[in-house]
Each structure stands twice: as C-alpha cells, then as structure tokens.
Amino acid sequence: MHYRLEKRLESRDPNVRFNTVYFNTFKINVIERYTNKKAETKSLCEAKFKVRTLEDKLIFKKNGEVTSYLRNENFIIYKSLLKAIQPQNLNDRLQQNQDREQDYVYFLLKIALENYQF
C-alpha cells in the first residue's frame, strides 16, 4: 500500500501539532494536543483523528460521528509509535525509521478501518 506521511506540521497554537497520512483515495488527519508550551517539557495529552477524501470531504464513522479519539490502550500505543518515529540520530533515519513509520501508519489505518464507513 502506498502512502505519504507528513509529520509534525505546526499550527498557530504551540500546543497543537498535525500529522497527515495520504493514501490513494483518502487521508487521515491526526491532531495532537500537548500540555506545556516549553519544548523540553511538552507531553502529549490528547490525540484524535479524522478521515477525509482527498477533496477534503469528511468520511463519517459507523456511529455517525466524524472524530475518533485515541483513548486508553490505543493512546498508549500511539504515544509509543509517535516516539519511535522521531529519529534519534542520522544513522537511525534509514531502514529502521521507515519500518517504524510503516508501523505508525498501519496502526492508524487499522483504527480507521475499524471505525469508519468506506
């Protein structure tokens, strides 16, 4: 499956960041909220996502809502995957980082397929 990942797009609010995964026919927008404004003490406190078509039309969940919140076990898994895709050094950016990004994308895809009407 082909995808393109855009990581860590900053917003006007320093406590909010966006990640977007583009697939052939749809995209997943992830919104992350952090607790502190200082970069060294930021902690992820909330993650939610929406699924859209490439024309920016929202795709609804099976229950009729639009937004999915990552909670409980899924939130813990998301935090660990998010930490893993951030490169530690230049050598780490090669194959290992691609595998980690793929795990991150597949995790989001799994949740989207479980909850959304395609």
PDB file of N, CA and C in Angstrom:
ATOM      1  N   MET A   1       0.847  -1.174   0.000  1.00  0.00           N
ATOM      2  CA  MET A   1       0.000   0.000   0.000  1.00  0.00           C
ATOM      3  C   MET A   1       0.894   1.238   0.000  1.00  0.00           C
ATOM      4  N   HIS A   2       0.586   2.150  -0.868  1.00  0.00           N
ATOM      5  CA  HIS A   2       1.380   3.365  -0.972  1.00  0.00           C
ATOM      6  C   HIS A   2       0.778   4.454  -0.091  1.00  0.00           C
ATOM      7  N   TYR A   3       1.627   5.159   0.612  1.00  0.00           N
ATOM      8  CA  TYR A   3       1.193   6.263   1.450  1.00  0.00           C
ATOM      9  C   TYR A   3       2.294   7.312   1.507  1.00  0.00           C
ATOM     10  N   ARG A   4       1.890   8.495   1.945  1.00  0.00           N
ATOM     11  CA  ARG A   4       2.845   9.575   2.178  1.00  0.00           C
ATOM     12  C   ARG A   4       2.519  10.175   3.541  1.00  0.00           C
ATOM     13  N   LEU A   5       3.526  10.294   4.384  1.00  0.00           N
ATOM     14  CA  LEU A   5       3.345  10.791   5.739  1.00  0.00           C
ATOM     15  C   LEU A   5       3.936  12.184   5.856  1.00  0.00           C
ATOM     16  N   GLU A   6       3.115  13.131   6.303  1.00  0.00           N
ATOM     17  CA  GLU A   6       3.591  14.481   6.621  1.00  0.00           C
ATOM     18  C   GLU A   6       3.555  14.604   8.134  1.00  0.00           C
ATOM     19  N   LYS A   7       4.724  14.741   8.736  1.00  0.00           N
ATOM     20  CA  LYS A   7       4.829  14.744  10.191  1.00  0.00           C
ATOM     21  C   LYS A   7       4.978  16.140  10.754  1.00  0.00           C
ATOM     22  N   ARG A   8       4.377  16.323  11.904  1.00  0.00           N
ATOM     23  CA  ARG A   8       4.629  17.462  12.770  1.00  0.00           C
ATOM     24  C   ARG A   8       4.432  18.825  12.136  1.00  0.00           C
ATOM     25  N   LEU A   9       3.314  19.029  11.516  1.00  0.00           N
ATOM     26  CA  LEU A   9       3.013  20.339  10.976  1.00  0.00           C
ATOM     27  C   LEU A   9       2.551  21.235  12.122  1.00  0.00           C
ATOM     28  N   GLU A  10       3.225  22.328  12.315  1.00  0.00           N
ATOM     29  CA  GLU A  10       2.927  23.241  13.415  1.00  0.00           C
ATOM     30  C   GLU A  10       1.677  24.060  13.099  1.00  0.00           C
ATOM     31  N   SER A  11       0.968  24.418  14.132  1.00  0.00           N
ATOM     32  CA  SER A  11      -0.176  25.309  13.995  1.00  0.00           C
ATOM     33  C   SER A  11       0.165  26.633  14.679  1.00  0.00           C
ATOM     34  N   ARG A  12      -0.781  27.542  14.694  1.00  0.00           N
ATOM     35  CA  ARG A  12      -0.559  28.806  15.394  1.00  0.00           C
ATOM     36  C   ARG A  12      -0.434  28.589  16.890  1.00  0.00           C
ATOM     37  N   ASP A  13      -1.118  27.590  17.387  1.00  0.00           N
ATOM     38  CA  ASP A  13      -1.053  27.246  18.805  1.00  0.00           C
ATOM     39  C   ASP A  13       0.138  26.316  19.016  1.00  0.00           C
ATOM     40  N   PRO A  14       1.095  26.682  19.862  1.00  0.00           N
ATOM     41  CA  PRO A  14       2.276  25.825  20.052  1.00  0.00           C
ATOM     42  C   PRO A  14       1.963  24.493  20.724  1.00  0.00           C
ATOM     43  N   ASN A  15       0.776  24.351  21.283  1.00  0.00           N
ATOM     44  CA  ASN A  15       0.401  23.105  21.941  1.00  0.00           C
ATOM     45  C   ASN A  15      -0.338  22.139  21.023  1.00  0.00           C
ATOM     46  N   VAL A  16      -0.471  22.478  19.756  1.00  0.00           N
ATOM     47  CA  VAL A  16      -1.183  21.626  18.798  1.00  0.00           C
ATOM     48  C   VAL A  16      -0.266  21.326  17.619  1.00  0.00           C
ATOM     49  N   ARG A  17      -0.235  20.061  17.232  1.00  0.00           N
ATOM     50  CA  ARG A  17       0.523  19.640  16.049  1.00  0.00           C
ATOM     51  C   ARG A  17      -0.335  18.705  15.216  1.00  0.00           C
ATOM     52  N   PHE A  18      -0.003  18.643  13.929  1.00  0.00           N
ATOM     53  CA  PHE A  18      -0.775  17.837  12.993  1.00  0.00           C
ATOM     54  C   PHE A  18       0.132  16.855  12.262  1.00  0.00           C
ATOM     55  N   ASN A  19      -0.363  15.659  12.057  1.00  0.00           N
ATOM     56  CA  ASN A  19       0.258  14.671  11.184  1.00  0.00           C
ATOM     57  C   ASN A  19      -0.805  14.258  10.178  1.00  0.00           C
ATOM     58  N   THR A  20      -0.401  14.054   8.939  1.00  0.00           N
ATOM     59  CA  THR A  20      -1.346  13.626   7.905  1.00  0.00           C
ATOM     60  C   THR A  20      -0.751  12.469   7.134  1.00  0.00           C
ATOM     61  N   VAL A  21      -1.570  11.441   6.925  1.00  0.00           N
ATOM     62  CA  VAL A  21      -1.174  10.293   6.123  1.00  0.00           C
ATOM     63  C   VAL A  21      -2.056  10.284   4.882  1.00  0.00           C
ATOM     64  N   TYR A  22      -1.428  10.365   3.721  1.00  0.00           N
ATOM     65  CA  TYR A  22      -2.144  10.359   2.449  1.00  0.00           C
ATOM     66  C   TYR A  22      -2.086   8.963   1.834  1.00  0.00           C
ATOM     67  N   PHE A  23      -3.257   8.459   1.433  1.00  0.00           N
ATOM     68  CA  PHE A  23      -3.353   7.210   0.698  1.00  0.00           C
ATOM     69  C   PHE A  23      -3.862   7.538  -0.695  1.00  0.00           C
ATOM     70  N   ASN A  24      -4.145   6.537  -1.503  1.00  0.00           N
ATOM     71  CA  ASN A  24      -4.600   6.778  -2.873  1.00  0.00           C
ATOM     72  C   ASN A  24      -5.933   7.511  -2.942  1.00  0.00           C
ATOM     73  N   THR A  25      -6.874   7.177  -2.079  1.00  0.00           N
ATOM     74  CA  THR A  25      -8.214   7.749  -2.182  1.00  0.00           C
ATOM     75  C   THR A  25      -8.669   8.524  -0.949  1.00  0.00           C
ATOM     76  N   PHE A  26      -7.926   8.504   0.127  1.00  0.00           N
ATOM     77  CA  PHE A  26      -8.316   9.223   1.335  1.00  0.00           C
ATOM     78  C   PHE A  26      -7.076   9.613   2.124  1.00  0.00           C
ATOM     79  N   LYS A  27      -7.316  10.407   3.186  1.00  0.00           N
ATOM     80  CA  LYS A  27      -6.225  10.804   4.068  1.00  0.00           C
ATOM     81  C   LYS A  27      -6.712  10.777   5.505  1.00  0.00           C
ATOM     82  N   ILE A  28      -5.761  10.585   6.420  1.00  0.00           N
ATOM     83  CA  ILE A  28      -6.045  10.579   7.847  1.00  0.00           C
ATOM     84  C   ILE A  28      -5.335  11.781   8.451  1.00  0.00           C
ATOM     85  N   ASN A  29      -6.116  12.686   9.085  1.00  0.00           N
ATOM     86  CA  ASN A  29      -5.562  13.850   9.760  1.00  0.00           C
ATOM     87  C   ASN A  29      -5.512  13.567  11.254  1.00  0.00           C
ATOM     88  N   VAL A  30      -4.321  13.647  11.840  1.00  0.00           N
ATOM     89  CA  VAL A  30      -4.153  13.423  13.270  1.00  0.00           C
ATOM     90  C   VAL A  30      -3.872  14.768  13.930  1.00  0.00           C
ATOM     91  N   ILE A  31      -4.615  15.060  15.000  1.00  0.00           N
ATOM     92  CA  ILE A  31      -4.422  16.288  15.762  1.00  0.00           C
ATOM     93  C   ILE A  31      -3.907  15.892  17.136  1.00  0.00           C
ATOM     94  N   GLU A  32      -2.766  16.439  17.511  1.00  0.00           N
ATOM     95  CA  GLU A  32      -2.155  16.129  18.807  1.00  0.00           C
ATOM     96  C   GLU A  32      -2.174  17.385  19.667  1.00  0.00           C
ATOM     97  N   ARG A  33      -2.567  17.234  20.920  1.00  0.00           N
ATOM     98  CA  ARG A  33      -2.542  18.345  21.869  1.00  0.00           C
ATOM     99  C   ARG A  33      -1.525  18.030  22.969  1.00  0.00           C
ATOM    100  N   TYR A  34      -0.737  19.049  23.301  1.00  0.00           N
ATOM    101  CA  TYR A  34       0.313  18.906  24.304  1.00  0.00           C
ATOM    102  C   TYR A  34       0.005  19.778  25.505  1.00  0.00           C
ATOM    103  N   THR A  35       0.608  19.449  26.654  1.00  0.00           N
ATOM    104  CA  THR A  35       0.281  20.131  27.900  1.00  0.00           C
ATOM    105  C   THR A  35       1.032  21.439  28.108  1.00  0.00           C
ATOM    106  N   ASN A  36       2.327  21.493  27.873  1.00  0.00           N
ATOM    107  CA  ASN A  36       3.133  22.678  28.173  1.00  0.00           C
ATOM    108  C   ASN A  36       3.591  23.372  26.913  1.00  0.00           C
ATOM    109  N   LYS A  37       3.893  24.657  27.039  1.00  0.00           N
ATOM    110  CA  LYS A  37       4.381  25.417  25.892  1.00  0.00           C
ATOM    111  C   LYS A  37       5.877  25.274  25.701  1.00  0.00           C
ATOM    112  N   LYS A  38       6.596  24.924  26.744  1.00  0.00           N
ATOM    113  CA  LYS A  38       8.047  24.759  26.636  1.00  0.00           C
ATOM    114  C   LYS A  38       8.350  23.457  25.910  1.00  0.00           C
ATOM    115  N   ALA A  39       9.219  23.537  24.935  1.00  0.00           N
ATOM    116  CA  ALA A  39       9.510  22.374  24.088  1.00  0.00           C
ATOM    117  C   ALA A  39      10.073  21.203  24.885  1.00  0.00           C
ATOM    118  N   GLU A  40      10.906  21.478  25.876  1.00  0.00           N
ATOM    119  CA  GLU A  40      11.557  20.380  26.599  1.00  0.00           C
ATOM    120  C   GLU A  40      10.625  19.681  27.585  1.00  0.00           C
ATOM    121  N   THR A  41       9.498  20.294  27.936  1.00  0.00           N
ATOM    122  CA  THR A  41       8.588  19.664  28.897  1.00  0.00           C
ATOM    123  C   THR A  41       7.233  19.309  28.297  1.00  0.00           C
ATOM    124  N   LYS A  42       7.102  19.390  26.986  1.00  0.00           N
ATOM    125  CA  LYS A  42       5.825  19.056  26.357  1.00  0.00           C
ATOM    126  C   LYS A  42       5.495  17.587  26.562  1.00  0.00           C
ATOM    127  N   SER A  43       4.220  17.355  26.813  1.00  0.00           N
ATOM    128  CA  SER A  43       3.746  15.989  26.993  1.00  0.00           C
ATOM    129  C   SER A  43       2.428  15.842  26.240  1.00  0.00           C
ATOM    130  N   LEU A  44       2.314  14.778  25.463  1.00  0.00           N
ATOM    131  CA  LEU A  44       1.100  14.537  24.692  1.00  0.00           C
ATOM    132  C   LEU A  44      -0.040  14.203  25.644  1.00  0.00           C
ATOM    133  N   CYS A  45      -1.132  14.967  25.558  1.00  0.00           N
ATOM    134  CA  CYS A  45      -2.268  14.713  26.445  1.00  0.00           C
ATOM    135  C   CYS A  45      -3.507  14.241  25.699  1.00  0.00           C
ATOM    136  N   GLU A  46      -3.570  14.479  24.372  1.00  0.00           N
ATOM    137  CA  GLU A  46      -4.736  14.060  23.608  1.00  0.00           C
ATOM    138  C   GLU A  46      -4.344  13.859  22.150  1.00  0.00           C
ATOM    139  N   ALA A  47      -4.929  12.848  21.545  1.00  0.00           N
ATOM    140  CA  ALA A  47      -4.733  12.605  20.117  1.00  0.00           C
ATOM    141  C   ALA A  47      -6.079  12.188  19.535  1.00  0.00           C
ATOM    142  N   LYS A  48      -6.440  12.830  18.442  1.00  0.00           N
ATOM    143  CA  LYS A  48      -7.682  12.480  17.757  1.00  0.00           C
ATOM    144  C   LYS A  48      -7.423  12.532  16.266  1.00  0.00           C
ATOM    145  N   PHE A  49      -8.292  11.901  15.497  1.00  0.00           N
ATOM    146  CA  PHE A  49      -8.097  11.951  14.056  1.00  0.00           C
ATOM    147  C   PHE A  49      -9.422  11.930  13.319  1.00  0.00           C
ATOM    148  N   LYS A  50      -9.332  12.430  12.090  1.00  0.00           N
ATOM    149  CA  LYS A  50     -10.462  12.464  11.176  1.00  0.00           C
ATOM    150  C   LYS A  50     -10.001  11.857   9.861  1.00  0.00           C
ATOM    151  N   VAL A  51     -10.922  11.228   9.172  1.00  0.00           N
ATOM    152  CA  VAL A  51     -10.625  10.647   7.863  1.00  0.00           C
ATOM    153  C   VAL A  51     -11.366  11.483   6.824  1.00  0.00           C
ATOM    154  N   ARG A  52     -10.651  11.866   5.776  1.00  0.00           N
ATOM    155  CA  ARG A  52     -11.223  12.696   4.716  1.00  0.00           C
ATOM    156  C   ARG A  52     -10.869  12.120   3.357  1.00  0.00           C
ATOM    157  N   THR A  53     -11.663  12.502   2.368  1.00  0.00           N
ATOM    158  CA  THR A  53     -11.285  12.181   0.997  1.00  0.00           C
ATOM    159  C   THR A  53     -10.177  13.144   0.592  1.00  0.00           C
ATOM    160  N   LEU A  54      -9.569  12.916  -0.530  1.00  0.00           N
ATOM    161  CA  LEU A  54      -8.518  13.816  -0.991  1.00  0.00           C
ATOM    162  C   LEU A  54      -9.075  15.186  -1.371  1.00  0.00           C
ATOM    163  N   GLU A  55     -10.387  15.283  -1.560  1.00  0.00           N
ATOM    164  CA  GLU A  55     -11.046  16.564  -1.834  1.00  0.00           C
ATOM    165  C   GLU A  55     -11.503  17.239  -0.550  1.00  0.00           C
ATOM    166  N   ASP A  56     -11.056  16.768   0.603  1.00  0.00           N
ATOM    167  CA  ASP A  56     -11.364  17.307   1.939  1.00  0.00           C
ATOM    168  C   ASP A  56     -12.816  17.124   2.376  1.00  0.00           C
ATOM    169  N   LYS A  57     -13.523  16.145   1.856  1.00  0.00           N
ATOM    170  CA  LYS A  57     -14.861  15.818   2.347  1.00  0.00           C
ATOM    171  C   LYS A  57     -14.702  14.822   3.492  1.00  0.00           C
ATOM    172  N   LEU A  58     -15.376  15.096   4.597  1.00  0.00           N
ATOM    173  CA  LEU A  58     -15.269  14.227   5.765  1.00  0.00           C
ATOM    174  C   LEU A  58     -15.918  12.875   5.508  1.00  0.00           C
ATOM    175  N   ILE A  59     -15.313  11.840   6.029  1.00  0.00           N
ATOM    176  CA  ILE A  59     -15.876  10.491   5.992  1.00  0.00           C
ATOM    177  C   ILE A  59     -16.399  10.206   7.391  1.00  0.00           C
ATOM    178  N   PHE A  60     -17.630   9.760   7.489  1.00  0.00           N
ATOM    179  CA  PHE A  60     -18.251   9.557   8.785  1.00  0.00           C
ATOM    180  C   PHE A  60     -17.930   8.181   9.361  1.00  0.00           C
ATOM    181  N   LYS A  61     -17.927   8.145  10.696  1.00  0.00           N
ATOM    182  CA  LYS A  61     -17.742   6.880  11.390  1.00  0.00           C
ATOM    183  C   LYS A  61     -19.024   6.062  11.279  1.00  0.00           C
ATOM    184  N   LYS A  62     -18.946   4.823  11.675  1.00  0.00           N
ATOM    185  CA  LYS A  62     -20.110   3.941  11.627  1.00  0.00           C
ATOM    186  C   LYS A  62     -21.223   4.422  12.546  1.00  0.00           C
ATOM    187  N   ASN A  63     -20.875   5.163  13.610  1.00  0.00           N
ATOM    188  CA  ASN A  63     -21.891   5.691  14.530  1.00  0.00           C
ATOM    189  C   ASN A  63     -22.361   7.089  14.134  1.00  0.00           C
ATOM    190  N   GLY A  64     -21.918   7.615  12.999  1.00  0.00           N
ATOM    191  CA  GLY A  64     -22.372   8.899  12.507  1.00  0.00           C
ATOM    192  C   GLY A  64     -21.500  10.082  12.896  1.00  0.00           C
ATOM    193  N   GLU A  65     -20.549   9.885  13.769  1.00  0.00           N
ATOM    194  CA  GLU A  65     -19.656  10.967  14.167  1.00  0.00           C
ATOM    195  C   GLU A  65     -18.513  11.101  13.169  1.00  0.00           C
ATOM    196  N   VAL A  66     -17.693  12.127  13.360  1.00  0.00           N
ATOM    197  CA  VAL A  66     -16.602  12.404  12.430  1.00  0.00           C
ATOM    198  C   VAL A  66     -15.239  12.148  13.070  1.00  0.00           C
ATOM    199  N   THR A  67     -15.093  12.483  14.335  1.00  0.00           N
ATOM    200  CA  THR A  67     -13.797  12.439  15.014  1.00  0.00           C
ATOM    201  C   THR A  67     -13.647  11.168  15.837  1.00  0.00           C
ATOM    202  N   SER A  68     -12.453  10.572  15.776  1.00  0.00           N
ATOM    203  CA  SER A  68     -12.097   9.444  16.641  1.00  0.00           C
ATOM    204  C   SER A  68     -11.041   9.907  17.627  1.00  0.00           C
ATOM    205  N   TYR A  69     -11.258   9.618  18.884  1.00  0.00           N
ATOM    206  CA  TYR A  69     -10.277   9.936  19.911  1.00  0.00           C
ATOM    207  C   TYR A  69      -9.492   8.680  20.241  1.00  0.00           C
ATOM    208  N   LEU A  70      -8.198   8.828  20.363  1.00  0.00           N
ATOM    209  CA  LEU A  70      -7.367   7.704  20.777  1.00  0.00           C
ATOM    210  C   LEU A  70      -7.349   7.700  22.293  1.00  0.00           C
ATOM    211  N   ARG A  71      -7.898   6.661  22.876  1.00  0.00           N
ATOM    212  CA  ARG A  71      -8.016   6.582  24.329  1.00  0.00           C
ATOM    213  C   ARG A  71      -7.512   5.232  24.821  1.00  0.00           C
ATOM    214  N   ASN A  72      -7.224   5.210  26.108  1.00  0.00           N
ATOM    215  CA  ASN A  72      -6.828   4.001  26.813  1.00  0.00           C
ATOM    216  C   ASN A  72      -5.636   3.318  26.139  1.00  0.00           C
ATOM    217  N   GLU A  73      -5.793   2.056  25.793  1.00  0.00           N
ATOM    218  CA  GLU A  73      -4.686   1.281  25.220  1.00  0.00           C
ATOM    219  C   GLU A  73      -4.221   1.851  23.881  1.00  0.00           C
ATOM    220  N   ASN A  74      -5.161   2.286  23.052  1.00  0.00           N
ATOM    221  CA  ASN A  74      -4.786   2.859  21.761  1.00  0.00           C
ATOM    222  C   ASN A  74      -3.954   4.134  21.922  1.00  0.00           C
ATOM    223  N   PHE A  75      -4.257   4.930  22.943  1.00  0.00           N
ATOM    224  CA  PHE A  75      -3.478   6.153  23.193  1.00  0.00           C
ATOM    225  C   PHE A  75      -2.056   5.805  23.620  1.00  0.00           C
ATOM    226  N   ILE A  76      -1.909   4.801  24.438  1.00  0.00           N
ATOM    227  CA  ILE A  76      -0.570   4.373  24.885  1.00  0.00           C
ATOM    228  C   ILE A  76       0.236   3.846  23.697  1.00  0.00           C
ATOM    229  N   ILE A  77      -0.398   3.047  22.859  1.00  0.00           N
ATOM    230  CA  ILE A  77       0.278   2.530  21.661  1.00  0.00           C
ATOM    231  C   ILE A  77       0.659   3.683  20.742  1.00  0.00           C
ATOM    232  N   TYR A  78      -0.244   4.643  20.555  1.00  0.00           N
ATOM    233  CA  TYR A  78       0.035   5.792  19.688  1.00  0.00           C
ATOM    234  C   TYR A  78       1.238   6.587  20.206  1.00  0.00           C
ATOM    235  N   LYS A  79       1.284   6.837  21.509  1.00  0.00           N
ATOM    236  CA  LYS A  79       2.411   7.587  22.075  1.00  0.00           C
ATOM    237  C   LYS A  79       3.730   6.871  21.844  1.00  0.00           C
ATOM    238  N   SER A  80       3.745   5.563  21.989  1.00  0.00           N
ATOM    239  CA  SER A  80       4.997   4.820  21.785  1.00  0.00           C
ATOM    240  C   SER A  80       5.394   4.820  20.308  1.00  0.00           C
ATOM    241  N   LEU A  81       4.426   4.697  19.406  1.00  0.00           N
ATOM    242  CA  LEU A  81       4.733   4.751  17.978  1.00  0.00           C
ATOM    243  C   LEU A  81       5.202   6.141  17.560  1.00  0.00           C
ATOM    244  N   LEU A  82       4.599   7.165  18.129  1.00  0.00           N
ATOM    245  CA  LEU A  82       4.994   8.532  17.817  1.00  0.00           C
ATOM    246  C   LEU A  82       6.423   8.801  18.270  1.00  0.00           C
ATOM    247  N   LYS A  83       6.758   8.324  19.434  1.00  0.00           N
ATOM    248  CA  LYS A  83       8.120   8.487  19.936  1.00  0.00           C
ATOM    249  C   LYS A  83       9.117   7.709  19.077  1.00  0.00           C
ATOM    250  N   ALA A  84       8.701   6.558  18.587  1.00  0.00           N
ATOM    251  CA  ALA A  84       9.596   5.713  17.797  1.00  0.00           C
ATOM    252  C   ALA A  84       9.898   6.290  16.421  1.00  0.00           C
ATOM    253  N   ILE A  85       8.977   7.075  15.851  1.00  0.00           N
ATOM    254  CA  ILE A  85       9.224   7.599  14.501  1.00  0.00           C
ATOM    255  C   ILE A  85      10.063   8.869  14.509  1.00  0.00           C
ATOM    256  N   GLN A  86      10.376   9.385  15.682  1.00  0.00           N
ATOM    257  CA  GLN A  86      11.247  10.556  15.750  1.00  0.00           C
ATOM    258  C   GLN A  86      12.686  10.081  15.742  1.00  0.00           C
ATOM    259  N   PRO A  87      13.461  10.478  14.736  1.00  0.00           N
ATOM    260  CA  PRO A  87      14.832   9.963  14.614  1.00  0.00           C
ATOM    261  C   PRO A  87      15.719  10.412  15.772  1.00  0.00           C
ATOM    262  N   GLN A  88      16.515   9.478  16.262  1.00  0.00           N
ATOM    263  CA  GLN A  88      17.423   9.772  17.368  1.00  0.00           C
ATOM    264  C   GLN A  88      18.740  10.346  16.866  1.00  0.00           C
ATOM    265  N   ASN A  89      19.217   9.860  15.724  1.00  0.00           N
ATOM    266  CA  ASN A  89      20.452  10.367  15.121  1.00  0.00           C
ATOM    267  C   ASN A  89      20.388  10.136  13.613  1.00  0.00           C
ATOM    268  N   LEU A  90      21.398  10.566  12.896  1.00  0.00           N
ATOM    269  CA  LEU A  90      21.373  10.479  11.439  1.00  0.00           C
ATOM    270  C   LEU A  90      21.341   9.043  10.934  1.00  0.00           C
ATOM    271  N   ASN A  91      22.052   8.142  11.590  1.00  0.00           N
ATOM    272  CA  ASN A  91      22.066   6.746  11.151  1.00  0.00           C
ATOM    273  C   ASN A  91      20.705   6.074  11.319  1.00  0.00           C
ATOM    274  N   ASP A  92      19.924   6.586  12.265  1.00  0.00           N
ATOM    275  CA  ASP A  92      18.631   5.993  12.570  1.00  0.00           C
ATOM    276  C   ASP A  92      17.574   6.340  11.527  1.00  0.00           C
ATOM    277  N   ARG A  93      17.856   7.271  10.646  1.00  0.00           N
ATOM    278  CA  ARG A  93      16.878   7.714   9.659  1.00  0.00           C
ATOM    279  C   ARG A  93      16.706   6.751   8.506  1.00  0.00           C
ATOM    280  N   LEU A  94      17.496   5.734   8.417  1.00  0.00           N
ATOM    281  CA  LEU A  94      17.454   4.838   7.267  1.00  0.00           C
ATOM    282  C   LEU A  94      16.337   3.815   7.402  1.00  0.00           C
ATOM    283  N   GLN A  95      16.651   2.562   7.286  1.00  0.00           N
ATOM    284  CA  GLN A  95      15.666   1.490   7.220  1.00  0.00           C
ATOM    285  C   GLN A  95      14.819   1.378   8.487  1.00  0.00           C
ATOM    286  N   GLN A  96      15.434   1.502   9.651  1.00  0.00           N
ATOM    287  CA  GLN A  96      14.664   1.342  10.881  1.00  0.00           C
ATOM    288  C   GLN A  96      13.555   2.376  10.975  1.00  0.00           C
ATOM    289  N   ASN A  97      13.853   3.604  10.604  1.00  0.00           N
ATOM    290  CA  ASN A  97      12.837   4.650  10.684  1.00  0.00           C
ATOM    291  C   ASN A  97      11.703   4.391   9.695  1.00  0.00           C
ATOM    292  N   GLN A  98      12.002   3.852   8.524  1.00  0.00           N
ATOM    293  CA  GLN A  98      10.947   3.519   7.568  1.00  0.00           C
ATOM    294  C   GLN A  98      10.035   2.432   8.117  1.00  0.00           C
ATOM    295  N   ASP A  99      10.606   1.450   8.794  1.00  0.00           N
ATOM    296  CA  ASP A  99       9.798   0.399   9.405  1.00  0.00           C
ATOM    297  C   ASP A  99       8.913   0.962  10.516  1.00  0.00           C
ATOM    298  N   ARG A 100       9.464   1.870  11.299  1.00  0.00           N
ATOM    299  CA  ARG A 100       8.688   2.490  12.382  1.00  0.00           C
ATOM    300  C   ARG A 100       7.556   3.346  11.824  1.00  0.00           C
ATOM    301  N   GLU A 101       7.843   4.103  10.768  1.00  0.00           N
ATOM    302  CA  GLU A 101       6.794   4.904  10.135  1.00  0.00           C
ATOM    303  C   GLU A 101       5.691   4.004   9.592  1.00  0.00           C
ATOM    304  N   GLN A 102       6.069   2.886   9.017  1.00  0.00           N
ATOM    305  CA  GLN A 102       5.085   1.949   8.488  1.00  0.00           C
ATOM    306  C   GLN A 102       4.214   1.403   9.615  1.00  0.00           C
ATOM    307  N   ASP A 103       4.803   1.075  10.763  1.00  0.00           N
ATOM    308  CA  ASP A 103       4.019   0.617  11.917  1.00  0.00           C
ATOM    309  C   ASP A 103       3.033   1.691  12.368  1.00  0.00           C
ATOM    310  N   TYR A 104       3.488   2.936  12.394  1.00  0.00           N
ATOM    311  CA  TYR A 104       2.647   4.079  12.770  1.00  0.00           C
ATOM    312  C   TYR A 104       1.460   4.211  11.808  1.00  0.00           C
ATOM    313  N   VAL A 105       1.739   4.174  10.531  1.00  0.00           N
ATOM    314  CA  VAL A 105       0.698   4.314   9.512  1.00  0.00           C
ATOM    315  C   VAL A 105      -0.276   3.138   9.575  1.00  0.00           C
ATOM    316  N   TYR A 106       0.217   1.929   9.718  1.00  0.00           N
ATOM    317  CA  TYR A 106      -0.661   0.762   9.777  1.00  0.00           C
ATOM    318  C   TYR A 106      -1.544   0.783  11.026  1.00  0.00           C
ATOM    319  N   PHE A 107      -1.026   1.308  12.124  1.00  0.00           N
ATOM    320  CA  PHE A 107      -1.831   1.439  13.339  1.00  0.00           C
ATOM    321  C   PHE A 107      -3.011   2.384  13.089  1.00  0.00           C
ATOM    322  N   LEU A 108      -2.740   3.546  12.484  1.00  0.00           N
ATOM    323  CA  LEU A 108      -3.812   4.496  12.177  1.00  0.00           C
ATOM    324  C   LEU A 108      -4.800   3.896  11.177  1.00  0.00           C
ATOM    325  N   LEU A 109      -4.302   3.192  10.194  1.00  0.00           N
ATOM    326  CA  LEU A 109      -5.157   2.569   9.189  1.00  0.00           C
ATOM    327  C   LEU A 109      -6.066   1.513   9.816  1.00  0.00           C
ATOM    328  N   LYS A 110      -5.525   0.748  10.734  1.00  0.00           N
ATOM    329  CA  LYS A 110      -6.319  -0.282  11.413  1.00  0.00           C
ATOM    330  C   LYS A 110      -7.483   0.352  12.177  1.00  0.00           C
ATOM    331  N   ILE A 111      -7.223   1.417  12.896  1.00  0.00           N
ATOM    332  CA  ILE A 111      -8.278   2.081  13.654  1.00  0.00           C
ATOM    333  C   ILE A 111      -9.307   2.712  12.711  1.00  0.00           C
ATOM    334  N   ALA A 112      -8.835   3.297  11.621  1.00  0.00           N
ATOM    335  CA  ALA A 112      -9.756   3.897  10.656  1.00  0.00           C
ATOM    336  C   ALA A 112     -10.663   2.836  10.044  1.00  0.00           C
ATOM    337  N   LEU A 113     -10.108   1.698   9.672  1.00  0.00           N
ATOM    338  CA  LEU A 113     -10.917   0.638   9.065  1.00  0.00           C
ATOM    339  C   LEU A 113     -11.926   0.057  10.043  1.00  0.00           C
ATOM    340  N   GLU A 114     -11.576   0.033  11.327  1.00  0.00           N
ATOM    341  CA  GLU A 114     -12.496  -0.491  12.342  1.00  0.00           C
ATOM    342  C   GLU A 114     -13.665   0.453  12.585  1.00  0.00           C
ATOM    343  N   ASN A 115     -13.449   1.746  12.437  1.00  0.00           N
ATOM    344  CA  ASN A 115     -14.450   2.736  12.876  1.00  0.00           C
ATOM    345  C   ASN A 115     -15.160   3.506  11.770  1.00  0.00           C
ATOM    346  N   TYR A 116     -14.614   3.578  10.576  1.00  0.00           N
ATOM    347  CA  TYR A 116     -15.176   4.445   9.551  1.00  0.00           C
ATOM    348  C   TYR A 116     -15.873   3.662   8.448  1.00  0.00           C
ATOM    349  N   GLN A 117     -16.813   4.344   7.772  1.00  0.00           N
ATOM    350  CA  GLN A 117     -17.538   3.775   6.646  1.00  0.00           C
ATOM    351  C   GLN A 117     -16.820   4.142   5.362  1.00  0.00           C
ATOM    352  N   PHE A 118     -16.285   3.174   4.683  1.00  0.00           N
ATOM    353  CA  PHE A 118     -15.591   3.445   3.422  1.00  0.00           C
ATOM    354  C   PHE A 118     -16.411   2.946   2.257  1.00  0.00           C
TER     355      PHE A 118
END
